[in-house]
């Protein structure tokens, strides 16, 4: 019988460096890059949220900072993206007719991941509706908007709508005097 003590030497591997928070892009993102010497679980996602990733050296490896092979649990998150390039304005002109007039609105914004944009409008800074407000009287009006998209921070703002006065036809009157004869 042989009584020998064997010492196992483990190759050292650095712990992954976790980046958090990440911002939603519409694509799968990893909170840390790892190599084939590390087992990684729950270290990538697409949607905003809070996650816990785990990392552990594979057999034959240990953490370079303390020599252990302990499971390393790390919290990380993906946060909502900002909506960018927001521009809203009246397109074309409106002229008073005595009837309610709904403006045509040009609205654009950029979102990530092909998400659908939802536009809402109001004549006050709240109480938004999907319908653009209508105006009857000539004047300039403030219209408030909110644009939102899934996994994005909503954006609020305002723009003006102008209803022009109706033009009046000019009438020319001339005096043609005819004498009274009788």
N, C-alpha and C. Protein backbone atom coordinates (compact mmCIF):
# COMPACT_ATOMS: atom_id res chain seq x y z
N UNK A 1 0.84 -1.18 0.00
CA UNK A 1 0.00 0.00 0.00
C UNK A 1 0.89 1.24 0.00
N UNK A 2 0.45 2.23 -0.78
CA UNK A 2 1.24 3.45 -0.92
C UNK A 2 0.54 4.59 -0.21
N UNK A 3 1.21 5.29 0.62
CA UNK A 3 0.66 6.47 1.31
C UNK A 3 1.37 7.70 0.77
N UNK A 4 0.84 8.21 -0.28
CA UNK A 4 1.42 9.42 -0.85
C UNK A 4 0.35 10.50 -0.86
N UNK A 5 0.76 11.72 -0.68
CA UNK A 5 -0.14 12.85 -0.75
C UNK A 5 0.09 13.54 -2.09
N UNK A 6 -1.01 13.73 -2.77
CA UNK A 6 -0.92 14.42 -4.05
C UNK A 6 -1.49 15.82 -3.90
N UNK A 7 -0.82 16.77 -4.45
CA UNK A 7 -1.31 18.14 -4.42
C UNK A 7 -1.78 18.48 -5.83
N UNK A 8 -3.03 18.90 -5.94
CA UNK A 8 -3.57 19.29 -7.24
C UNK A 8 -3.31 20.77 -7.45
N UNK A 9 -2.79 21.07 -8.58
CA UNK A 9 -2.56 22.47 -8.91
C UNK A 9 -3.65 22.91 -9.87
N UNK A 10 -4.34 23.98 -9.50
CA UNK A 10 -5.41 24.50 -10.34
C UNK A 10 -4.89 25.73 -11.11
N UNK A 11 -5.28 25.77 -12.34
CA UNK A 11 -4.91 26.95 -13.14
C UNK A 11 -5.81 28.10 -12.73
N UNK A 12 -5.22 29.28 -12.61
CA UNK A 12 -5.98 30.44 -12.14
C UNK A 12 -6.69 31.14 -13.31
N UNK A 13 -7.89 31.62 -13.00
CA UNK A 13 -8.69 32.35 -13.97
C UNK A 13 -9.26 33.59 -13.28
N UNK A 14 -9.29 34.71 -14.00
CA UNK A 14 -9.83 35.95 -13.42
C UNK A 14 -11.35 35.90 -13.36
N UNK A 15 -11.88 36.52 -12.32
CA UNK A 15 -13.34 36.64 -12.21
C UNK A 15 -13.82 37.58 -13.31
N UNK A 16 -14.99 37.32 -13.89
CA UNK A 16 -15.52 38.22 -14.92
C UNK A 16 -15.81 39.61 -14.34
N UNK A 17 -15.59 40.62 -15.14
CA UNK A 17 -15.93 41.98 -14.75
C UNK A 17 -17.34 42.25 -15.26
N UNK A 18 -18.25 42.54 -14.33
CA UNK A 18 -19.66 42.73 -14.67
C UNK A 18 -19.93 44.20 -14.94
N UNK A 19 -20.61 44.46 -16.05
CA UNK A 19 -21.03 45.82 -16.41
C UNK A 19 -22.51 45.94 -16.12
N UNK A 20 -22.88 46.90 -15.30
CA UNK A 20 -24.28 47.10 -14.95
C UNK A 20 -24.45 48.53 -14.45
N UNK A 21 -25.52 49.22 -14.82
CA UNK A 21 -26.60 48.72 -15.67
C UNK A 21 -26.24 48.82 -17.15
N UNK A 22 -26.89 47.98 -17.92
CA UNK A 22 -26.85 48.06 -19.38
C UNK A 22 -28.15 48.73 -19.81
N UNK A 23 -28.16 49.34 -20.98
CA UNK A 23 -29.36 49.99 -21.50
C UNK A 23 -29.97 49.12 -22.60
N UNK A 24 -31.29 48.99 -22.59
CA UNK A 24 -32.01 48.19 -23.58
C UNK A 24 -31.60 48.57 -25.00
N UNK A 25 -31.31 47.55 -25.82
CA UNK A 25 -30.94 47.78 -27.22
C UNK A 25 -31.85 47.04 -28.19
N UNK A 26 -32.65 46.12 -27.68
CA UNK A 26 -33.46 45.28 -28.55
C UNK A 26 -32.77 43.97 -28.88
N UNK A 27 -31.51 43.84 -28.50
CA UNK A 27 -30.73 42.62 -28.74
C UNK A 27 -30.28 42.02 -27.41
N UNK A 28 -29.95 40.76 -27.45
CA UNK A 28 -29.46 40.08 -26.24
C UNK A 28 -28.11 40.69 -25.85
N UNK A 29 -27.94 40.94 -24.55
CA UNK A 29 -26.71 41.54 -24.04
C UNK A 29 -26.19 40.71 -22.88
N UNK A 30 -24.88 40.60 -22.79
CA UNK A 30 -24.24 39.89 -21.68
C UNK A 30 -23.66 40.91 -20.71
N UNK A 31 -23.82 40.64 -19.43
CA UNK A 31 -23.30 41.55 -18.41
C UNK A 31 -21.80 41.42 -18.23
N UNK A 32 -21.23 40.33 -18.72
CA UNK A 32 -19.79 40.11 -18.60
C UNK A 32 -19.34 39.16 -19.71
N UNK A 33 -18.13 39.35 -20.17
CA UNK A 33 -17.60 38.38 -21.13
C UNK A 33 -16.86 37.31 -20.34
N UNK A 34 -17.02 36.09 -20.76
CA UNK A 34 -16.37 34.97 -20.07
C UNK A 34 -15.64 34.14 -21.11
N UNK A 35 -14.79 33.27 -20.63
CA UNK A 35 -14.12 32.36 -21.55
C UNK A 35 -14.53 30.93 -21.22
N UNK A 36 -13.95 29.99 -21.95
CA UNK A 36 -14.37 28.59 -21.82
C UNK A 36 -13.97 27.95 -20.50
N UNK A 37 -13.19 28.65 -19.66
CA UNK A 37 -12.76 28.10 -18.37
C UNK A 37 -13.75 28.42 -17.25
N UNK A 38 -14.82 29.18 -17.57
CA UNK A 38 -15.78 29.62 -16.56
C UNK A 38 -17.19 29.17 -16.94
N UNK A 39 -17.90 28.61 -15.96
CA UNK A 39 -19.31 28.30 -16.15
C UNK A 39 -20.10 29.56 -15.81
N UNK A 40 -20.94 30.00 -16.74
CA UNK A 40 -21.75 31.21 -16.53
C UNK A 40 -23.21 30.84 -16.70
N UNK A 41 -24.06 31.41 -15.83
CA UNK A 41 -25.49 31.17 -15.90
C UNK A 41 -26.22 32.49 -15.67
N UNK A 42 -27.27 32.73 -16.47
CA UNK A 42 -28.12 33.93 -16.34
C UNK A 42 -27.31 35.23 -16.48
N UNK A 43 -26.32 35.19 -17.37
CA UNK A 43 -25.48 36.37 -17.56
C UNK A 43 -25.82 37.16 -18.81
N UNK A 44 -26.95 36.82 -19.46
CA UNK A 44 -27.38 37.60 -20.62
C UNK A 44 -28.90 37.65 -20.67
N UNK A 45 -29.40 38.75 -21.24
CA UNK A 45 -30.85 38.95 -21.36
C UNK A 45 -31.09 40.01 -22.43
N UNK A 46 -32.35 40.18 -22.82
CA UNK A 46 -32.74 41.19 -23.80
C UNK A 46 -33.57 42.29 -23.17
N UNK A 47 -34.53 41.90 -22.33
CA UNK A 47 -35.50 42.85 -21.78
C UNK A 47 -34.99 43.54 -20.52
N UNK A 48 -35.45 44.77 -20.27
CA UNK A 48 -35.07 45.44 -19.02
C UNK A 48 -35.54 44.64 -17.80
N UNK A 49 -34.72 44.64 -16.78
CA UNK A 49 -35.06 43.94 -15.54
C UNK A 49 -33.82 43.77 -14.69
N UNK A 50 -34.02 43.20 -13.50
CA UNK A 50 -32.92 42.92 -12.58
C UNK A 50 -32.66 41.42 -12.63
N UNK A 51 -31.38 41.07 -12.69
CA UNK A 51 -30.98 39.69 -12.85
C UNK A 51 -29.87 39.34 -11.86
N UNK A 52 -29.68 38.03 -11.63
CA UNK A 52 -28.55 37.55 -10.85
C UNK A 52 -27.80 36.54 -11.72
N UNK A 53 -26.57 36.86 -12.05
CA UNK A 53 -25.73 35.97 -12.83
C UNK A 53 -24.85 35.17 -11.88
N UNK A 54 -24.52 33.95 -12.28
CA UNK A 54 -23.58 33.16 -11.47
C UNK A 54 -22.40 32.75 -12.35
N UNK A 55 -21.23 32.76 -11.72
CA UNK A 55 -20.00 32.38 -12.40
C UNK A 55 -19.24 31.43 -11.49
N UNK A 56 -18.60 30.42 -12.09
CA UNK A 56 -17.81 29.47 -11.32
C UNK A 56 -16.74 28.89 -12.23
N UNK A 57 -15.51 28.77 -11.70
CA UNK A 57 -14.47 28.15 -12.52
C UNK A 57 -14.83 26.69 -12.82
N UNK A 58 -14.51 26.23 -14.03
CA UNK A 58 -14.71 24.82 -14.37
C UNK A 58 -13.67 23.98 -13.64
N UNK A 59 -13.87 22.66 -13.67
CA UNK A 59 -12.91 21.74 -13.03
C UNK A 59 -11.51 22.02 -13.55
N UNK A 60 -10.56 22.06 -12.63
CA UNK A 60 -9.18 22.30 -12.98
C UNK A 60 -8.79 23.78 -12.92
N UNK A 61 -9.75 24.62 -12.52
CA UNK A 61 -9.48 26.06 -12.47
C UNK A 61 -9.94 26.63 -11.12
N UNK A 62 -9.35 27.76 -10.75
CA UNK A 62 -9.77 28.46 -9.53
C UNK A 62 -9.69 29.95 -9.79
N UNK A 63 -10.34 30.72 -8.90
CA UNK A 63 -10.29 32.19 -9.04
C UNK A 63 -8.87 32.67 -8.75
N UNK A 64 -8.39 33.58 -9.57
CA UNK A 64 -7.01 34.06 -9.43
C UNK A 64 -6.81 34.94 -8.20
N UNK A 65 -7.89 35.56 -7.70
CA UNK A 65 -7.71 36.50 -6.58
C UNK A 65 -7.64 35.80 -5.21
N UNK A 66 -8.30 34.62 -5.07
CA UNK A 66 -8.27 33.97 -3.75
C UNK A 66 -8.05 32.47 -3.80
N UNK A 67 -7.91 31.91 -5.02
CA UNK A 67 -7.62 30.49 -5.15
C UNK A 67 -8.80 29.56 -4.91
N UNK A 68 -10.00 30.12 -4.69
CA UNK A 68 -11.17 29.27 -4.43
C UNK A 68 -11.86 28.90 -5.75
N UNK A 69 -12.80 28.00 -5.63
CA UNK A 69 -13.64 27.62 -6.77
C UNK A 69 -15.10 27.94 -6.48
N UNK A 70 -15.31 28.85 -5.54
CA UNK A 70 -16.67 29.19 -5.09
C UNK A 70 -17.52 29.77 -6.23
N UNK A 71 -18.83 29.49 -6.10
CA UNK A 71 -19.81 30.09 -7.01
C UNK A 71 -19.89 31.58 -6.70
N UNK A 72 -19.83 32.40 -7.72
CA UNK A 72 -19.86 33.85 -7.56
C UNK A 72 -21.20 34.35 -8.12
N UNK A 73 -22.07 34.88 -7.26
CA UNK A 73 -23.37 35.41 -7.69
C UNK A 73 -23.28 36.93 -7.73
N UNK A 74 -23.70 37.50 -8.87
CA UNK A 74 -23.58 38.94 -9.07
C UNK A 74 -24.90 39.49 -9.59
N UNK A 75 -25.39 40.58 -8.98
CA UNK A 75 -26.61 41.25 -9.45
C UNK A 75 -26.25 42.19 -10.59
N UNK A 76 -27.14 42.24 -11.59
CA UNK A 76 -26.95 43.16 -12.71
C UNK A 76 -28.32 43.49 -13.28
N UNK A 77 -28.38 44.53 -14.12
CA UNK A 77 -29.68 44.91 -14.67
C UNK A 77 -29.56 45.54 -16.06
N UNK A 78 -30.70 45.50 -16.75
CA UNK A 78 -30.87 46.22 -18.01
C UNK A 78 -31.96 47.25 -17.74
N UNK A 79 -31.70 48.51 -18.08
CA UNK A 79 -32.66 49.60 -17.85
C UNK A 79 -33.30 50.01 -19.18
N UNK A 80 -34.43 50.69 -19.08
CA UNK A 80 -35.16 51.16 -20.26
C UNK A 80 -34.31 52.14 -21.06
N UNK A 81 -34.49 52.12 -22.37
CA UNK A 81 -33.79 53.04 -23.27
C UNK A 81 -34.55 54.37 -23.35
N UNK A 82 -33.86 55.39 -23.79
CA UNK A 82 -34.50 56.68 -24.05
C UNK A 82 -35.03 56.70 -25.48
N UNK A 83 -36.16 57.34 -25.66
CA UNK A 83 -36.67 57.62 -27.00
C UNK A 83 -35.93 58.86 -27.48
N UNK A 84 -35.37 58.81 -28.68
CA UNK A 84 -34.57 59.91 -29.18
C UNK A 84 -35.16 60.49 -30.47
N UNK A 85 -34.64 61.64 -30.87
CA UNK A 85 -35.03 62.24 -32.13
C UNK A 85 -36.50 62.62 -32.20
N UNK A 86 -37.08 63.04 -31.07
CA UNK A 86 -38.51 63.36 -31.03
C UNK A 86 -38.75 64.72 -31.69
N UNK A 87 -39.67 64.73 -32.65
CA UNK A 87 -40.05 65.97 -33.34
C UNK A 87 -41.54 65.90 -33.65
N UNK A 88 -42.28 66.91 -33.22
CA UNK A 88 -43.74 66.94 -33.46
C UNK A 88 -44.09 68.35 -33.91
N UNK A 89 -44.85 68.46 -35.01
CA UNK A 89 -45.27 69.77 -35.49
C UNK A 89 -46.51 69.64 -36.37
N UNK A 90 -47.21 70.75 -36.50
CA UNK A 90 -48.36 70.81 -37.39
C UNK A 90 -47.85 70.74 -38.82
N UNK A 91 -48.54 69.96 -39.63
CA UNK A 91 -48.18 69.85 -41.05
C UNK A 91 -49.31 70.48 -41.86
N UNK A 92 -48.97 71.44 -42.70
CA UNK A 92 -49.99 72.13 -43.48
C UNK A 92 -50.63 73.23 -42.66
N UNK A 93 -51.65 73.85 -43.23
CA UNK A 93 -52.31 74.96 -42.53
C UNK A 93 -53.80 74.71 -42.40
N UNK A 94 -54.39 75.38 -41.42
CA UNK A 94 -55.83 75.32 -41.18
C UNK A 94 -56.39 76.73 -41.29
N UNK A 95 -57.54 76.87 -41.87
CA UNK A 95 -58.20 78.17 -41.99
C UNK A 95 -59.61 78.05 -41.43
N UNK A 96 -59.99 79.04 -40.64
CA UNK A 96 -61.29 79.08 -39.98
C UNK A 96 -62.42 78.84 -40.98
N UNK A 97 -63.33 77.92 -40.60
CA UNK A 97 -64.52 77.65 -41.42
C UNK A 97 -65.80 77.68 -40.59
N UNK A 98 -65.64 77.82 -39.27
CA UNK A 98 -66.80 77.72 -38.38
C UNK A 98 -67.03 76.30 -37.91
N UNK A 99 -66.32 75.34 -38.47
CA UNK A 99 -66.41 73.93 -38.10
C UNK A 99 -65.16 73.53 -37.31
N UNK A 100 -65.27 72.44 -36.54
CA UNK A 100 -64.10 71.92 -35.82
C UNK A 100 -63.09 71.39 -36.85
N UNK A 101 -61.83 71.79 -36.69
CA UNK A 101 -60.77 71.39 -37.61
C UNK A 101 -59.72 70.58 -36.85
N UNK A 102 -59.37 69.42 -37.39
CA UNK A 102 -58.33 68.61 -36.76
C UNK A 102 -57.04 68.76 -37.58
N UNK A 103 -55.97 69.19 -36.93
CA UNK A 103 -54.73 69.39 -37.67
C UNK A 103 -54.10 68.06 -38.10
N UNK A 104 -53.34 68.12 -39.17
CA UNK A 104 -52.48 67.00 -39.55
C UNK A 104 -51.18 67.24 -38.81
N UNK A 105 -50.67 66.20 -38.15
CA UNK A 105 -49.48 66.34 -37.33
C UNK A 105 -48.38 65.44 -37.87
N UNK A 106 -47.20 66.00 -38.01
CA UNK A 106 -46.00 65.25 -38.37
C UNK A 106 -45.28 64.92 -37.07
N UNK A 107 -45.15 63.63 -36.76
CA UNK A 107 -44.50 63.21 -35.50
C UNK A 107 -43.50 62.12 -35.82
N UNK A 108 -42.29 62.28 -35.28
CA UNK A 108 -41.29 61.23 -35.47
C UNK A 108 -40.50 61.04 -34.19
N UNK A 109 -39.98 59.83 -34.02
CA UNK A 109 -39.14 59.49 -32.86
C UNK A 109 -38.42 58.19 -33.19
N UNK A 110 -37.30 57.98 -32.53
CA UNK A 110 -36.50 56.77 -32.75
C UNK A 110 -36.52 55.92 -31.49
N UNK A 111 -36.84 54.62 -31.68
CA UNK A 111 -36.83 53.66 -30.57
C UNK A 111 -35.95 52.48 -30.94
N UNK A 112 -35.58 51.70 -29.94
CA UNK A 112 -34.71 50.53 -30.13
C UNK A 112 -35.54 49.27 -30.32
N UNK A 113 -34.96 48.31 -30.99
CA UNK A 113 -35.57 46.98 -31.08
C UNK A 113 -36.84 46.91 -31.89
N UNK A 114 -37.12 47.91 -32.73
CA UNK A 114 -38.32 47.88 -33.55
C UNK A 114 -39.62 47.96 -32.78
N UNK A 115 -39.57 48.47 -31.55
CA UNK A 115 -40.78 48.59 -30.74
C UNK A 115 -41.77 49.58 -31.37
N UNK A 116 -43.04 49.37 -31.14
CA UNK A 116 -44.09 50.26 -31.65
C UNK A 116 -44.16 51.51 -30.79
N UNK A 117 -44.29 52.67 -31.46
CA UNK A 117 -44.43 53.94 -30.75
C UNK A 117 -45.91 54.24 -30.58
N UNK A 118 -46.27 54.75 -29.40
CA UNK A 118 -47.65 55.14 -29.11
C UNK A 118 -47.66 56.64 -28.84
N UNK A 119 -48.44 57.37 -29.63
CA UNK A 119 -48.55 58.83 -29.49
C UNK A 119 -49.88 59.17 -28.86
N UNK A 120 -49.86 60.11 -27.90
CA UNK A 120 -51.09 60.62 -27.29
C UNK A 120 -51.00 62.13 -27.23
N UNK A 121 -52.18 62.79 -27.27
CA UNK A 121 -52.24 64.25 -27.36
C UNK A 121 -53.27 64.80 -26.38
N UNK A 122 -53.11 66.09 -26.03
CA UNK A 122 -54.04 66.75 -25.12
C UNK A 122 -53.89 68.27 -25.26
N UNK A 123 -54.93 68.98 -24.85
CA UNK A 123 -54.83 70.45 -24.81
C UNK A 123 -54.39 70.93 -23.43
N UNK A 124 -54.20 69.98 -22.51
CA UNK A 124 -53.64 70.29 -21.19
C UNK A 124 -52.48 69.34 -20.95
N UNK A 125 -51.64 69.64 -19.99
CA UNK A 125 -50.49 68.78 -19.72
C UNK A 125 -50.92 67.55 -18.92
N UNK A 126 -51.79 66.76 -19.47
CA UNK A 126 -52.32 65.55 -18.84
C UNK A 126 -53.59 65.15 -19.56
N UNK A 127 -54.20 64.06 -19.18
CA UNK A 127 -55.44 63.62 -19.81
C UNK A 127 -55.26 63.31 -21.29
N UNK A 128 -54.19 62.63 -21.62
CA UNK A 128 -53.85 62.36 -23.02
C UNK A 128 -54.83 61.39 -23.68
N UNK A 129 -54.98 61.55 -25.00
CA UNK A 129 -55.84 60.70 -25.80
C UNK A 129 -55.10 60.38 -27.11
N UNK A 130 -55.45 59.29 -27.75
CA UNK A 130 -54.83 58.95 -29.03
C UNK A 130 -55.32 59.87 -30.15
N UNK A 131 -56.39 60.62 -29.90
CA UNK A 131 -56.96 61.51 -30.91
C UNK A 131 -56.34 62.90 -30.80
N UNK A 132 -55.92 63.44 -31.92
CA UNK A 132 -55.39 64.80 -31.95
C UNK A 132 -56.56 65.76 -31.74
N UNK A 133 -56.43 66.75 -30.85
CA UNK A 133 -57.54 67.67 -30.59
C UNK A 133 -57.93 68.48 -31.83
N UNK A 134 -59.20 68.86 -31.89
CA UNK A 134 -59.72 69.71 -32.96
C UNK A 134 -59.94 71.11 -32.42
N UNK A 135 -59.91 72.09 -33.33
CA UNK A 135 -60.07 73.49 -32.95
C UNK A 135 -61.03 74.16 -33.93
N UNK A 136 -61.91 75.03 -33.40
CA UNK A 136 -62.90 75.70 -34.23
C UNK A 136 -62.52 77.14 -34.54
N UNK A 137 -62.13 77.90 -33.52
CA UNK A 137 -61.86 79.32 -33.70
C UNK A 137 -60.44 79.57 -34.22
N UNK A 138 -60.29 80.68 -34.93
CA UNK A 138 -58.97 81.09 -35.39
C UNK A 138 -58.11 81.41 -34.17
N UNK A 139 -56.82 81.05 -34.22
CA UNK A 139 -55.91 81.34 -33.12
C UNK A 139 -54.77 80.34 -33.10
N UNK A 140 -53.90 80.49 -32.13
CA UNK A 140 -52.77 79.58 -31.94
C UNK A 140 -52.98 78.82 -30.64
N UNK A 141 -52.85 77.52 -30.70
CA UNK A 141 -53.14 76.64 -29.57
C UNK A 141 -51.93 75.80 -29.21
N UNK A 142 -51.76 75.53 -27.93
CA UNK A 142 -50.70 74.63 -27.45
C UNK A 142 -51.29 73.23 -27.37
N UNK A 143 -50.59 72.27 -27.97
CA UNK A 143 -50.99 70.87 -27.89
C UNK A 143 -49.85 70.10 -27.21
N UNK A 144 -50.20 69.31 -26.21
CA UNK A 144 -49.23 68.52 -25.49
C UNK A 144 -49.24 67.10 -26.04
N UNK A 145 -48.08 66.46 -26.04
CA UNK A 145 -47.99 65.09 -26.52
C UNK A 145 -47.17 64.24 -25.56
N UNK A 146 -47.38 62.94 -25.68
CA UNK A 146 -46.56 61.96 -24.98
C UNK A 146 -46.33 60.82 -25.96
N UNK A 147 -45.07 60.43 -26.12
CA UNK A 147 -44.73 59.28 -26.95
C UNK A 147 -44.12 58.23 -26.03
N UNK A 148 -44.57 56.99 -26.20
CA UNK A 148 -44.07 55.89 -25.38
C UNK A 148 -43.83 54.68 -26.26
N UNK A 149 -43.04 53.75 -25.76
CA UNK A 149 -42.77 52.48 -26.43
C UNK A 149 -42.34 51.49 -25.36
N UNK A 150 -42.65 50.23 -25.57
CA UNK A 150 -42.27 49.20 -24.60
C UNK A 150 -40.75 49.22 -24.41
N UNK A 151 -40.32 49.09 -23.16
CA UNK A 151 -38.91 49.06 -22.76
C UNK A 151 -38.20 50.40 -22.97
N UNK A 152 -38.96 51.49 -23.05
CA UNK A 152 -38.39 52.83 -23.23
C UNK A 152 -38.98 53.80 -22.20
N UNK A 153 -38.23 54.84 -21.90
CA UNK A 153 -38.74 55.94 -21.07
C UNK A 153 -39.59 56.83 -21.96
N UNK A 154 -40.80 57.17 -21.53
CA UNK A 154 -41.68 58.01 -22.35
C UNK A 154 -41.15 59.45 -22.39
N UNK A 155 -41.55 60.17 -23.43
CA UNK A 155 -41.14 61.56 -23.62
C UNK A 155 -42.40 62.41 -23.76
N UNK A 156 -42.42 63.53 -23.03
CA UNK A 156 -43.53 64.48 -23.11
C UNK A 156 -43.02 65.80 -23.67
N UNK A 157 -43.88 66.51 -24.36
CA UNK A 157 -43.52 67.81 -24.90
C UNK A 157 -44.75 68.53 -25.40
N UNK A 158 -44.54 69.58 -26.18
CA UNK A 158 -45.68 70.34 -26.71
C UNK A 158 -45.29 70.94 -28.05
N UNK A 159 -46.31 71.32 -28.81
CA UNK A 159 -46.13 72.02 -30.08
C UNK A 159 -47.35 72.91 -30.28
N UNK A 160 -47.28 73.82 -31.23
CA UNK A 160 -48.40 74.73 -31.46
C UNK A 160 -49.16 74.35 -32.73
N UNK A 161 -50.45 74.63 -32.68
CA UNK A 161 -51.33 74.47 -33.84
C UNK A 161 -51.95 75.84 -34.10
N UNK A 162 -51.93 76.24 -35.36
CA UNK A 162 -52.50 77.53 -35.73
C UNK A 162 -53.68 77.34 -36.66
N UNK A 163 -54.79 78.01 -36.32
CA UNK A 163 -55.95 78.09 -37.20
C UNK A 163 -55.98 79.53 -37.69
N UNK A 164 -55.80 79.72 -38.99
CA UNK A 164 -55.76 81.06 -39.57
C UNK A 164 -57.16 81.65 -39.69
N UNK A 165 -57.21 82.99 -39.68
CA UNK A 165 -58.49 83.66 -39.90
C UNK A 165 -58.94 83.43 -41.33
N UNK A 166 -60.24 83.41 -41.50
CA UNK A 166 -60.78 83.28 -42.85
C UNK A 166 -60.50 84.58 -43.60
N UNK A 167 -60.26 84.46 -44.85
CA UNK A 167 -60.04 85.67 -45.65
C UNK A 167 -61.41 86.19 -46.07
N UNK A 168 -61.51 87.48 -46.14
CA UNK A 168 -62.78 88.08 -46.56
C UNK A 168 -62.61 88.63 -47.96
N UNK A 169 -63.63 88.48 -48.73
CA UNK A 169 -63.59 89.01 -50.09
C UNK A 169 -63.83 90.51 -50.01
N UNK A 170 -63.09 91.24 -50.80
CA UNK A 170 -63.33 92.67 -50.76
C UNK A 170 -64.45 93.03 -51.72
N UNK A 171 -65.29 93.91 -51.24
CA UNK A 171 -66.44 94.36 -52.03
C UNK A 171 -66.22 95.84 -52.30
N UNK A 172 -66.35 96.18 -53.53
CA UNK A 172 -66.18 97.59 -53.83
C UNK A 172 -67.55 98.18 -54.16
N UNK A 173 -67.82 99.25 -53.50
CA UNK A 173 -69.09 99.92 -53.72
C UNK A 173 -68.81 101.23 -54.47
N UNK A 174 -69.63 101.48 -55.42
CA UNK A 174 -69.45 102.75 -56.11
C UNK A 174 -70.77 103.50 -56.05
N UNK A 175 -70.65 104.77 -56.08
CA UNK A 175 -71.85 105.60 -56.04
C UNK A 175 -72.20 106.01 -57.46
N UNK A 176 -73.28 105.58 -57.85
CA UNK A 176 -73.82 106.04 -59.13
C UNK A 176 -75.11 106.78 -58.80
N UNK A 177 -75.01 108.07 -58.86
CA UNK A 177 -76.18 108.87 -58.52
C UNK A 177 -77.02 109.09 -59.76
N UNK A 178 -78.20 108.79 -59.58
CA UNK A 178 -79.15 109.12 -60.66
C UNK A 178 -80.11 110.16 -60.09
N UNK A 179 -80.29 111.16 -60.82
CA UNK A 179 -81.20 112.18 -60.31
C UNK A 179 -82.64 111.67 -60.29
N UNK A 180 -83.34 112.10 -59.34
CA UNK A 180 -84.76 111.74 -59.23
C UNK A 180 -85.54 112.59 -60.21
N UNK A 181 -86.28 111.90 -60.99
CA UNK A 181 -87.01 112.65 -62.02
C UNK A 181 -88.51 112.59 -61.81
N UNK A 182 -88.93 112.08 -60.87
CA UNK A 182 -90.19 112.11 -60.63
C UNK A 182 -91.38 111.84 -60.22
